[in-house]
Full PDB file with SEQRES, HELIX, SHEET, SSBOND, CRYST1, ORIGX, SCALE, CONECT and MASTER records, all heavy atoms in Angstrom:
SEQRES   1 A   33  LEU GLN LEU ALA GLN VAL MET LEU LYS LEU GLY ALA VAL          
SEQRES   2 A   33  HIS ALA MET ASN LEU ASP GLY GLY ALA SER SER GLY LEU          
SEQRES   3 A   33  PHE CYS SER GLY SER MET LEU                                  
HELIX    1 AA1 GLN A    2  LYS A    9  1                                   8    
HELIX    2 AA2 GLY A   21  SER A   23  5                                   3    
SHEET    1 AA1 2 PHE A  27  CYS A  28  0                                        
SHEET    2 AA1 2 SER A  31  MET A  32 -1                                        
CRYST1    1.000    1.000    1.000  90.00  90.00  90.00 P 1           1          
ORIGX1      1.000000  0.000000  0.000000        0.00000                         
ORIGX2      0.000000  1.000000  0.000000        0.00000                         
ORIGX3      0.000000  0.000000  1.000000        0.00000                         
SCALE1      1.000000  0.000000  0.000000        0.00000                         
SCALE2      0.000000  1.000000  0.000000        0.00000                         
SCALE3      0.000000  0.000000  1.000000        0.00000                         
ATOM      1  N   LEU A   1       7.100  48.257  31.049  1.00  0.00           N  
ATOM      2  CA  LEU A   1       7.637  47.758  29.777  1.00  0.00           C  
ATOM      3  C   LEU A   1       9.160  47.851  29.766  1.00  0.00           C  
ATOM      4  O   LEU A   1       9.850  46.920  29.317  1.00  0.00           O  
ATOM      5  CB  LEU A   1       7.048  48.551  28.616  1.00  0.00           C  
ATOM      6  CG  LEU A   1       7.567  48.171  27.217  1.00  0.00           C  
ATOM      7  CD1 LEU A   1       7.334  46.692  26.943  1.00  0.00           C  
ATOM      8  CD2 LEU A   1       6.898  49.025  26.148  1.00  0.00           C  
ATOM      9  N   GLN A   2       9.709  48.950  30.271  1.00  0.00           N  
ATOM     10  CA  GLN A   2      11.161  49.082  30.350  1.00  0.00           C  
ATOM     11  C   GLN A   2      11.753  48.069  31.322  1.00  0.00           C  
ATOM     12  O   GLN A   2      12.865  47.579  31.128  1.00  0.00           O  
ATOM     13  CB  GLN A   2      11.534  50.508  30.751  1.00  0.00           C  
ATOM     14  CG  GLN A   2      11.227  51.533  29.676  1.00  0.00           C  
ATOM     15  CD  GLN A   2      11.263  52.966  30.186  1.00  0.00           C  
ATOM     16  OE1 GLN A   2      11.384  53.215  31.397  1.00  0.00           O  
ATOM     17  NE2 GLN A   2      11.140  53.925  29.285  1.00  0.00           N  
ATOM     18  N   LEU A   3      10.996  47.732  32.388  1.00  0.00           N  
ATOM     19  CA  LEU A   3      11.455  46.718  33.337  1.00  0.00           C  
ATOM     20  C   LEU A   3      11.628  45.374  32.644  1.00  0.00           C  
ATOM     21  O   LEU A   3      12.545  44.615  32.969  1.00  0.00           O  
ATOM     22  CB  LEU A   3      10.459  46.604  34.496  1.00  0.00           C  
ATOM     23  CG  LEU A   3      10.804  45.600  35.593  1.00  0.00           C  
ATOM     24  CD1 LEU A   3      12.112  45.948  36.284  1.00  0.00           C  
ATOM     25  CD2 LEU A   3       9.677  45.521  36.628  1.00  0.00           C  
ATOM     26  N   ALA A   4      10.764  45.068  31.690  1.00  0.00           N  
ATOM     27  CA  ALA A   4      10.917  43.826  30.925  1.00  0.00           C  
ATOM     28  C   ALA A   4      12.257  43.807  30.200  1.00  0.00           C  
ATOM     29  O   ALA A   4      12.971  42.793  30.192  1.00  0.00           O  
ATOM     30  CB  ALA A   4       9.769  43.690  29.926  1.00  0.00           C  
ATOM     31  N   GLN A   5      12.638  44.938  29.624  1.00  0.00           N  
ATOM     32  CA  GLN A   5      13.920  45.021  28.926  1.00  0.00           C  
ATOM     33  C   GLN A   5      15.090  44.932  29.903  1.00  0.00           C  
ATOM     34  O   GLN A   5      16.125  44.333  29.594  1.00  0.00           O  
ATOM     35  CB  GLN A   5      13.974  46.336  28.142  1.00  0.00           C  
ATOM     36  CG  GLN A   5      12.903  46.425  27.058  1.00  0.00           C  
ATOM     37  CD  GLN A   5      12.812  47.809  26.439  1.00  0.00           C  
ATOM     38  OE1 GLN A   5      12.627  48.805  27.136  1.00  0.00           O  
ATOM     39  NE2 GLN A   5      12.960  47.873  25.121  1.00  0.00           N  
ATOM     40  N   VAL A   6      14.913  45.507  31.097  1.00  0.00           N  
ATOM     41  CA  VAL A   6      15.943  45.406  32.132  1.00  0.00           C  
ATOM     42  C   VAL A   6      16.160  43.949  32.528  1.00  0.00           C  
ATOM     43  O   VAL A   6      17.305  43.473  32.624  1.00  0.00           O  
ATOM     44  CB  VAL A   6      15.551  46.250  33.366  1.00  0.00           C  
ATOM     45  CG1 VAL A   6      16.448  45.908  34.559  1.00  0.00           C  
ATOM     46  CG2 VAL A   6      15.641  47.736  33.040  1.00  0.00           C  
ATOM     47  N   MET A   7      15.084  43.223  32.759  1.00  0.00           N  
ATOM     48  CA  MET A   7      15.196  41.816  33.165  1.00  0.00           C  
ATOM     49  C   MET A   7      15.856  40.980  32.076  1.00  0.00           C  
ATOM     50  O   MET A   7      16.622  40.053  32.361  1.00  0.00           O  
ATOM     51  CB  MET A   7      13.817  41.268  33.518  1.00  0.00           C  
ATOM     52  CG  MET A   7      13.184  41.897  34.760  1.00  0.00           C  
ATOM     53  SD  MET A   7      14.170  41.682  36.273  1.00  0.00           S  
ATOM     54  CE  MET A   7      13.963  39.902  36.560  1.00  0.00           C  
ATOM     55  N   LEU A   8      15.578  41.302  30.827  1.00  0.00           N  
ATOM     56  CA  LEU A   8      16.212  40.597  29.718  1.00  0.00           C  
ATOM     57  C   LEU A   8      17.715  40.836  29.736  1.00  0.00           C  
ATOM     58  O   LEU A   8      18.516  39.909  29.562  1.00  0.00           O  
ATOM     59  CB  LEU A   8      15.596  41.074  28.401  1.00  0.00           C  
ATOM     60  CG  LEU A   8      15.898  40.257  27.139  1.00  0.00           C  
ATOM     61  CD1 LEU A   8      15.421  38.821  27.286  1.00  0.00           C  
ATOM     62  CD2 LEU A   8      15.240  40.910  25.930  1.00  0.00           C  
ATOM     63  N   LYS A   9      18.113  42.082  29.979  1.00  0.00           N  
ATOM     64  CA  LYS A   9      19.536  42.426  30.050  1.00  0.00           C  
ATOM     65  C   LYS A   9      20.241  41.730  31.211  1.00  0.00           C  
ATOM     66  O   LYS A   9      21.428  41.408  31.142  1.00  0.00           O  
ATOM     67  CB  LYS A   9      19.684  43.943  30.200  1.00  0.00           C  
ATOM     68  CG  LYS A   9      19.509  44.730  28.917  1.00  0.00           C  
ATOM     69  CD  LYS A   9      20.839  44.852  28.190  1.00  0.00           C  
ATOM     70  CE  LYS A   9      20.756  45.831  27.028  1.00  0.00           C  
ATOM     71  NZ  LYS A   9      22.087  46.017  26.393  1.00  0.00           N  
ATOM     72  N   LEU A  10      19.505  41.496  32.296  1.00  0.00           N  
ATOM     73  CA  LEU A  10      20.084  40.845  33.478  1.00  0.00           C  
ATOM     74  C   LEU A  10      20.204  39.337  33.315  1.00  0.00           C  
ATOM     75  O   LEU A  10      20.737  38.663  34.191  1.00  0.00           O  
ATOM     76  CB  LEU A  10      19.248  41.174  34.716  1.00  0.00           C  
ATOM     77  CG  LEU A  10      19.324  42.629  35.211  1.00  0.00           C  
ATOM     78  CD1 LEU A  10      18.319  42.867  36.329  1.00  0.00           C  
ATOM     79  CD2 LEU A  10      20.737  42.970  35.687  1.00  0.00           C  
ATOM     80  N   GLY A  11      19.667  38.806  32.208  1.00  0.00           N  
ATOM     81  CA  GLY A  11      19.827  37.382  31.930  1.00  0.00           C  
ATOM     82  C   GLY A  11      18.602  36.533  32.172  1.00  0.00           C  
ATOM     83  O   GLY A  11      18.675  35.301  32.082  1.00  0.00           O  
ATOM     84  N   ALA A  12      17.457  37.144  32.474  1.00  0.00           N  
ATOM     85  CA  ALA A  12      16.236  36.361  32.707  1.00  0.00           C  
ATOM     86  C   ALA A  12      15.648  35.883  31.383  1.00  0.00           C  
ATOM     87  O   ALA A  12      15.689  36.602  30.371  1.00  0.00           O  
ATOM     88  CB  ALA A  12      15.209  37.198  33.452  1.00  0.00           C  
ATOM     89  N   VAL A  13      15.094  34.676  31.397  1.00  0.00           N  
ATOM     90  CA  VAL A  13      14.355  34.173  30.231  1.00  0.00           C  
ATOM     91  C   VAL A  13      12.855  34.181  30.505  1.00  0.00           C  
ATOM     92  O   VAL A  13      12.046  34.222  29.579  1.00  0.00           O  
ATOM     93  CB  VAL A  13      14.813  32.754  29.823  1.00  0.00           C  
ATOM     94  CG1 VAL A  13      16.218  32.789  29.263  1.00  0.00           C  
ATOM     95  CG2 VAL A  13      14.735  31.777  30.998  1.00  0.00           C  
ATOM     96  N   HIS A  14      12.478  34.133  31.772  1.00  0.00           N  
ATOM     97  CA  HIS A  14      11.088  34.306  32.195  1.00  0.00           C  
ATOM     98  C   HIS A  14      11.110  35.332  33.329  1.00  0.00           C  
ATOM     99  O   HIS A  14      11.996  35.304  34.186  1.00  0.00           O  
ATOM    100  CB  HIS A  14      10.468  33.002  32.702  1.00  0.00           C  
ATOM    101  CG  HIS A  14      10.431  31.907  31.687  1.00  0.00           C  
ATOM    102  ND1 HIS A  14       9.480  31.843  30.705  1.00  0.00           N  
ATOM    103  CD2 HIS A  14      11.245  30.842  31.495  1.00  0.00           C  
ATOM    104  CE1 HIS A  14       9.688  30.786  29.949  1.00  0.00           C  
ATOM    105  NE2 HIS A  14      10.759  30.158  30.411  1.00  0.00           N  
ATOM    106  N   ALA A  15      10.148  36.239  33.342  1.00  0.00           N  
ATOM    107  CA  ALA A  15      10.114  37.256  34.403  1.00  0.00           C  
ATOM    108  C   ALA A  15       8.708  37.795  34.557  1.00  0.00           C  
ATOM    109  O   ALA A  15       7.910  37.784  33.616  1.00  0.00           O  
ATOM    110  CB  ALA A  15      11.085  38.395  34.090  1.00  0.00           C  
ATOM    111  N   MET A  16       8.409  38.266  35.755  1.00  0.00           N  
ATOM    112  CA  MET A  16       7.120  38.901  36.014  1.00  0.00           C  
ATOM    113  C   MET A  16       7.301  40.089  36.951  1.00  0.00           C  
ATOM    114  O   MET A  16       8.240  40.136  37.754  1.00  0.00           O  
ATOM    115  CB  MET A  16       6.103  37.915  36.585  1.00  0.00           C  
ATOM    116  CG  MET A  16       6.406  37.384  37.965  1.00  0.00           C  
ATOM    117  SD  MET A  16       5.082  36.337  38.635  1.00  0.00           S  
ATOM    118  CE  MET A  16       3.898  37.579  39.162  1.00  0.00           C  
ATOM    119  N   ASN A  17       6.417  41.052  36.795  1.00  0.00           N  
ATOM    120  CA  ASN A  17       6.406  42.250  37.614  1.00  0.00           C  
ATOM    121  C   ASN A  17       5.720  41.968  38.953  1.00  0.00           C  
ATOM    122  O   ASN A  17       4.709  41.270  38.998  1.00  0.00           O  
ATOM    123  CB  ASN A  17       5.648  43.352  36.859  1.00  0.00           C  
ATOM    124  CG  ASN A  17       5.621  44.658  37.590  1.00  0.00           C  
ATOM    125  OD1 ASN A  17       6.653  45.133  38.035  1.00  0.00           O  
ATOM    126  ND2 ASN A  17       4.446  45.240  37.727  1.00  0.00           N  
ATOM    127  N   LEU A  18       6.283  42.502  40.029  1.00  0.00           N  
ATOM    128  CA  LEU A  18       5.674  42.413  41.350  1.00  0.00           C  
ATOM    129  C   LEU A  18       5.149  43.795  41.729  1.00  0.00           C  
ATOM    130  O   LEU A  18       5.216  44.727  40.941  1.00  0.00           O  
ATOM    131  CB  LEU A  18       6.704  41.920  42.370  1.00  0.00           C  
ATOM    132  CG  LEU A  18       7.302  40.535  42.093  1.00  0.00           C  
ATOM    133  CD1 LEU A  18       8.459  40.257  43.047  1.00  0.00           C  
ATOM    134  CD2 LEU A  18       6.245  39.451  42.199  1.00  0.00           C  
ATOM    135  N   ASP A  19       4.611  43.929  42.927  1.00  0.00           N  
ATOM    136  CA  ASP A  19       4.188  45.249  43.378  1.00  0.00           C  
ATOM    137  C   ASP A  19       5.409  46.157  43.426  1.00  0.00           C  
ATOM    138  O   ASP A  19       6.549  45.691  43.577  1.00  0.00           O  
ATOM    139  CB  ASP A  19       3.535  45.137  44.760  1.00  0.00           C  
ATOM    140  CG  ASP A  19       2.679  46.341  45.099  1.00  0.00           C  
ATOM    141  OD1 ASP A  19       2.574  47.258  44.253  1.00  0.00           O  
ATOM    142  OD2 ASP A  19       2.120  46.361  46.197  1.00  0.00           O  
ATOM    143  N   GLY A  20       5.188  47.465  43.289  1.00  0.00           N  
ATOM    144  CA  GLY A  20       6.310  48.390  43.247  1.00  0.00           C  
ATOM    145  C   GLY A  20       6.045  49.631  44.068  1.00  0.00           C  
ATOM    146  O   GLY A  20       5.201  49.640  44.966  1.00  0.00           O  
ATOM    147  N   GLY A  21       6.772  50.712  43.737  1.00  0.00           N  
ATOM    148  CA  GLY A  21       6.614  51.960  44.476  1.00  0.00           C  
ATOM    149  C   GLY A  21       6.984  51.793  45.936  1.00  0.00           C  
ATOM    150  O   GLY A  21       8.044  51.244  46.268  1.00  0.00           O  
ATOM    151  N   ALA A  22       6.106  52.226  46.815  1.00  0.00           N  
ATOM    152  CA  ALA A  22       6.372  52.132  48.249  1.00  0.00           C  
ATOM    153  C   ALA A  22       6.395  50.691  48.752  1.00  0.00           C  
ATOM    154  O   ALA A  22       6.856  50.435  49.869  1.00  0.00           O  
ATOM    155  CB  ALA A  22       5.326  52.935  49.028  1.00  0.00           C  
ATOM    156  N   SER A  23       5.905  49.753  47.936  1.00  0.00           N  
ATOM    157  CA  SER A  23       5.916  48.341  48.343  1.00  0.00           C  
ATOM    158  C   SER A  23       7.240  47.652  48.032  1.00  0.00           C  
ATOM    159  O   SER A  23       7.499  46.568  48.561  1.00  0.00           O  
ATOM    160  CB  SER A  23       4.787  47.575  47.640  1.00  0.00           C  
ATOM    161  OG  SER A  23       3.522  47.997  48.082  1.00  0.00           O  
ATOM    162  N   SER A  24       8.060  48.224  47.163  1.00  0.00           N  
ATOM    163  CA  SER A  24       9.295  47.552  46.747  1.00  0.00           C  
ATOM    164  C   SER A  24      10.218  47.319  47.934  1.00  0.00           C  
ATOM    165  O   SER A  24      10.581  48.255  48.652  1.00  0.00           O  
ATOM    166  CB  SER A  24      10.023  48.374  45.680  1.00  0.00           C  
ATOM    167  OG  SER A  24       9.403  48.248  44.429  1.00  0.00           O  
ATOM    168  N   GLY A  25      10.606  46.063  48.126  1.00  0.00           N  
ATOM    169  CA  GLY A  25      11.512  45.709  49.212  1.00  0.00           C  
ATOM    170  C   GLY A  25      12.403  44.564  48.791  1.00  0.00           C  
ATOM    171  O   GLY A  25      11.937  43.619  48.145  1.00  0.00           O  
ATOM    172  N   LEU A  26      13.678  44.629  49.134  1.00  0.00           N  
ATOM    173  CA  LEU A  26      14.624  43.578  48.764  1.00  0.00           C  
ATOM    174  C   LEU A  26      15.620  43.396  49.898  1.00  0.00           C  
ATOM    175  O   LEU A  26      16.185  44.370  50.418  1.00  0.00           O  
ATOM    176  CB  LEU A  26      15.349  43.947  47.468  1.00  0.00           C  
ATOM    177  CG  LEU A  26      16.282  42.892  46.871  1.00  0.00           C  
ATOM    178  CD1 LEU A  26      15.515  41.630  46.481  1.00  0.00           C  
ATOM    179  CD2 LEU A  26      17.012  43.459  45.654  1.00  0.00           C  
ATOM    180  N   PHE A  27      15.856  42.118  50.267  1.00  0.00           N  
ATOM    181  CA  PHE A  27      16.703  41.785  51.413  1.00  0.00           C  
ATOM    182  C   PHE A  27      17.637  40.658  51.024  1.00  0.00           C  
ATOM    183  O   PHE A  27      17.252  39.733  50.296  1.00  0.00           O  
ATOM    184  CB  PHE A  27      15.816  41.349  52.589  1.00  0.00           C  
ATOM    185  CG  PHE A  27      16.558  40.765  53.762  1.00  0.00           C  
ATOM    186  CD1 PHE A  27      17.109  41.597  54.736  1.00  0.00           C  
ATOM    187  CD2 PHE A  27      16.704  39.393  53.899  1.00  0.00           C  
ATOM    188  CE1 PHE A  27      17.771  41.062  55.826  1.00  0.00           C  
ATOM    189  CE2 PHE A  27      17.375  38.852  54.985  1.00  0.00           C  
ATOM    190  CZ  PHE A  27      17.916  39.693  55.952  1.00  0.00           C  
ATOM    191  N   CYS A  28      18.878  40.725  51.520  1.00  0.00           N  
ATOM    192  CA  CYS A  28      19.828  39.643  51.249  1.00  0.00           C  
ATOM    193  C   CYS A  28      20.860  39.548  52.361  1.00  0.00           C  
ATOM    194  O   CYS A  28      21.525  40.548  52.683  1.00  0.00           O  
ATOM    195  CB  CYS A  28      20.521  39.869  49.905  1.00  0.00           C  
ATOM    196  SG  CYS A  28      21.683  38.552  49.456  1.00  0.00           S  
ATOM    197  N   SER A  29      20.980  38.361  52.936  1.00  0.00           N  
ATOM    198  CA  SER A  29      22.045  38.034  53.889  1.00  0.00           C  
ATOM    199  C   SER A  29      22.238  39.089  54.974  1.00  0.00           C  
ATOM    200  O   SER A  29      23.351  39.555  55.230  1.00  0.00           O  
ATOM    201  CB  SER A  29      23.358  37.811  53.123  1.00  0.00           C  
ATOM    202  OG  SER A  29      23.215  36.780  52.171  1.00  0.00           O  
ATOM    203  N   GLY A  30      21.132  39.473  55.598  1.00  0.00           N  
ATOM    204  CA  GLY A  30      21.205  40.393  56.722  1.00  0.00           C  
ATOM    205  C   GLY A  30      21.147  41.859  56.359  1.00  0.00           C  
ATOM    206  O   GLY A  30      21.133  42.710  57.258  1.00  0.00           O  
ATOM    207  N   SER A  31      21.120  42.190  55.065  1.00  0.00           N  
ATOM    208  CA  SER A  31      21.111  43.594  54.649  1.00  0.00           C  
ATOM    209  C   SER A  31      19.826  43.930  53.909  1.00  0.00           C  
ATOM    210  O   SER A  31      19.412  43.182  53.006  1.00  0.00           O  
ATOM    211  CB  SER A  31      22.310  43.894  53.747  1.00  0.00           C  
ATOM    212  OG  SER A  31      23.525  43.716  54.434  1.00  0.00           O  
ATOM    213  N   MET A  32      19.199  45.056  54.261  1.00  0.00           N  
ATOM    214  CA  MET A  32      18.029  45.544  53.549  1.00  0.00           C  
ATOM    215  C   MET A  32      18.519  46.375  52.370  1.00  0.00           C  
ATOM    216  O   MET A  32      18.992  47.503  52.541  1.00  0.00           O  
ATOM    217  CB  MET A  32      17.135  46.369  54.460  1.00  0.00           C  
ATOM    218  CG  MET A  32      15.772  46.667  53.872  1.00  0.00           C  
ATOM    219  SD  MET A  32      14.692  45.212  53.742  1.00  0.00           S  
ATOM    220  CE  MET A  32      14.189  45.010  55.467  1.00  0.00           C  
ATOM    221  N   LEU A  33      18.422  45.837  51.173  1.00  0.00           N  
ATOM    222  CA  LEU A  33      18.922  46.507  49.980  1.00  0.00           C  
ATOM    223  C   LEU A  33      17.952  47.566  49.477  1.00  0.00           C  
ATOM    224  O   LEU A  33      18.362  48.602  48.959  1.00  0.00           O  
ATOM    225  CB  LEU A  33      19.199  45.480  48.879  1.00  0.00           C  
ATOM    226  CG  LEU A  33      20.111  44.309  49.260  1.00  0.00           C  
ATOM    227  CD1 LEU A  33      20.317  43.381  48.072  1.00  0.00           C  
ATOM    228  CD2 LEU A  33      21.446  44.811  49.782  1.00  0.00           C  
TER     229      LEU A  33                                                      
MASTER        0    0    0    2    2    0    0    6  228    1    0    3          
END                                                                             
């Protein structure tokens, strides 16, 4: 529920939750964030 508020603050108008915890992974331009 707090993630929904975070996404709103980041400027999203539509958003959905993905898997999390140990599954969370994010990559951009050669870097594992």
